[in-house]
């Protein structure tokens, strides 16, 4: 029986590269553990939107996915998303939101986010949402 390939594996020995933009140390740690367990390469993290946009531009085009918190200091998730999309209209961004932020999530999806994940993070949901975005 063949083993299922880790979701983070591109199939050519390389891993999908992820930038995590979130002001919660706990969420960053949790996401990193979930992603690394499936062979993703978390290449960088940013704890606010301004830093996230800078890092995206520095890392581009060697970045496959961004997870983006919707509520952050300095520059919120929507503004961060707008700047990333202006820079790279093909950016693959998944919004991470607390419950009750449906309006912001809707706005993010209209702005260009490919999917969303609601906190508290559920390993299976995180991985299936990420997989659906990367396989498109």
Protein backbone atom coordinates (compact mmCIF):
# COMPACT_ATOMS: atom_id res chain seq x y z
CA UNK A 1 0.00 0.00 0.00
CA UNK A 2 1.48 3.35 -1.04
CA UNK A 3 1.82 6.02 1.58
CA UNK A 4 -0.20 9.16 1.07
CA UNK A 5 2.05 11.98 0.00
CA UNK A 6 2.24 14.86 2.51
CA UNK A 7 0.10 17.81 1.38
CA UNK A 8 3.10 20.15 1.61
CA UNK A 9 5.10 18.09 -0.87
CA UNK A 10 4.96 19.43 -4.44
CA UNK A 11 5.74 15.99 -5.81
CA UNK A 12 9.20 16.88 -7.09
CA UNK A 13 10.96 16.74 -3.74
CA UNK A 14 10.28 20.43 -3.07
CA UNK A 15 7.86 21.72 -0.46
CA UNK A 16 5.22 24.40 -0.76
CA UNK A 17 6.57 27.59 0.83
CA UNK A 18 4.32 29.46 3.26
CA UNK A 19 4.40 32.92 4.85
CA UNK A 20 2.36 33.24 8.06
CA UNK A 21 1.15 36.76 8.90
CA UNK A 22 -0.45 36.77 12.35
CA UNK A 23 0.01 38.82 15.54
CA UNK A 24 -0.71 35.82 17.78
CA UNK A 25 2.41 33.88 18.75
CA UNK A 26 0.17 30.95 19.67
CA UNK A 27 -1.52 30.85 16.23
CA UNK A 28 1.84 31.15 14.44
CA UNK A 29 3.21 28.26 16.50
CA UNK A 30 0.09 26.14 15.95
CA UNK A 31 0.01 26.77 12.19
CA UNK A 32 3.74 26.12 11.87
CA UNK A 33 3.38 22.75 13.63
CA UNK A 34 0.38 21.73 11.49
CA UNK A 35 2.11 22.78 8.26
CA UNK A 36 5.51 21.27 9.06
CA UNK A 37 3.87 17.96 9.97
CA UNK A 38 2.73 17.80 6.32
CA UNK A 39 6.14 18.82 4.92
CA UNK A 40 5.31 22.47 4.22
CA UNK A 41 8.21 24.91 4.46
CA UNK A 42 7.22 27.87 6.65
CA UNK A 43 9.76 30.27 5.16
CA UNK A 44 8.89 33.28 7.28
CA UNK A 45 6.41 34.85 9.66
CA UNK A 46 5.29 38.43 10.25
CA UNK A 47 3.40 39.74 13.26
CA UNK A 48 1.64 42.65 11.58
CA UNK A 49 0.34 43.56 8.15
CA UNK A 50 3.06 46.07 7.23
CA UNK A 51 5.80 43.55 7.96
CA UNK A 52 3.78 40.90 6.12
CA UNK A 53 3.56 42.97 2.92
CA UNK A 54 7.32 43.72 3.07
CA UNK A 55 8.18 40.06 3.56
CA UNK A 56 5.85 38.98 0.74
CA UNK A 57 7.58 41.38 -1.64
CA UNK A 58 11.04 40.20 -0.50
CA UNK A 59 10.16 36.52 -0.89
CA UNK A 60 8.20 36.83 -4.15
CA UNK A 61 8.12 34.81 -6.39
CA UNK A 62 9.47 32.06 -4.10
CA UNK A 63 6.28 31.85 -2.09
CA UNK A 64 3.33 29.55 -2.66
CA UNK A 65 0.88 30.52 0.04
CA UNK A 66 0.13 33.16 2.68
CA UNK A 67 -1.98 32.64 5.78
CA UNK A 68 -3.24 36.02 6.92
CA UNK A 69 -4.93 36.97 10.17
CA UNK A 70 -7.82 39.35 9.58
CA UNK A 71 -7.45 41.41 12.79
CA UNK A 72 -3.95 42.76 13.45
CA UNK A 73 -2.28 45.94 14.67
CA UNK A 74 -0.83 48.58 12.30
CA UNK A 75 -2.35 47.20 9.10
CA UNK A 76 -5.40 44.94 9.27
CA UNK A 77 -5.85 41.79 7.22
CA UNK A 78 -8.04 43.39 4.53
CA UNK A 79 -5.55 46.23 3.88
CA UNK A 80 -2.66 43.76 3.93
CA UNK A 81 -4.51 41.55 1.44
CA UNK A 82 -5.21 44.53 -0.84
CA UNK A 83 -1.51 45.45 -0.90
CA UNK A 84 -0.40 41.88 -1.56
CA UNK A 85 -2.98 41.53 -4.38
CA UNK A 86 -1.88 44.86 -5.91
CA UNK A 87 1.69 43.57 -5.93
CA UNK A 88 0.81 40.05 -7.15
CA UNK A 89 -2.71 39.42 -8.47
CA UNK A 90 -2.01 35.65 -8.44
CA UNK A 91 -1.08 35.51 -4.74
CA UNK A 92 -2.65 32.59 -2.90
CA UNK A 93 -3.86 33.96 0.42
CA UNK A 94 -5.96 32.19 3.03
CA UNK A 95 -7.61 34.40 5.65
CA UNK A 96 -7.64 33.31 9.29
CA UNK A 97 -10.49 34.74 11.28
CA UNK A 98 -12.16 34.48 14.66
CA UNK A 99 -15.81 33.50 14.78
CA UNK A 100 -18.25 36.33 14.16
CA UNK A 101 -16.18 38.14 11.53
CA UNK A 102 -18.26 36.96 8.55
CA UNK A 103 -18.46 40.44 7.00
CA UNK A 104 -14.68 40.80 7.02
CA UNK A 105 -14.23 37.29 5.63
CA UNK A 106 -16.68 38.07 2.81
CA UNK A 107 -14.79 41.28 2.04
CA UNK A 108 -11.49 39.38 2.03
CA UNK A 109 -12.84 36.78 -0.41
CA UNK A 110 -14.09 39.56 -2.71
CA UNK A 111 -10.68 41.26 -2.43
CA UNK A 112 -8.88 38.12 -3.60
CA UNK A 113 -8.41 35.71 -0.71
CA UNK A 114 -8.75 32.12 -1.96
CA UNK A 115 -10.27 30.64 1.20
CA UNK A 116 -10.61 31.15 4.93
CA UNK A 117 -10.06 29.26 8.17
CA UNK A 118 -11.94 30.03 11.38
CA UNK A 119 -10.22 29.96 14.78
CA UNK A 120 -9.81 27.93 16.89
CA UNK A 121 -7.70 26.07 14.36
CA UNK A 122 -8.71 22.54 13.53
CA UNK A 123 -5.87 20.52 11.97
CA UNK A 124 -8.02 18.71 9.40
CA UNK A 125 -9.87 21.88 8.33
CA UNK A 126 -6.62 23.84 8.05
CA UNK A 127 -5.07 21.18 5.84
CA UNK A 128 -8.13 20.60 3.63
CA UNK A 129 -8.60 24.35 3.02
CA UNK A 130 -4.92 24.79 2.21
CA UNK A 131 -4.94 21.75 -0.06
CA UNK A 132 -7.99 23.04 -1.97
CA UNK A 133 -6.21 26.35 -2.63
CA UNK A 134 -2.91 24.79 -3.72
CA UNK A 135 -4.48 22.18 -6.01
CA UNK A 136 -6.37 24.78 -8.09
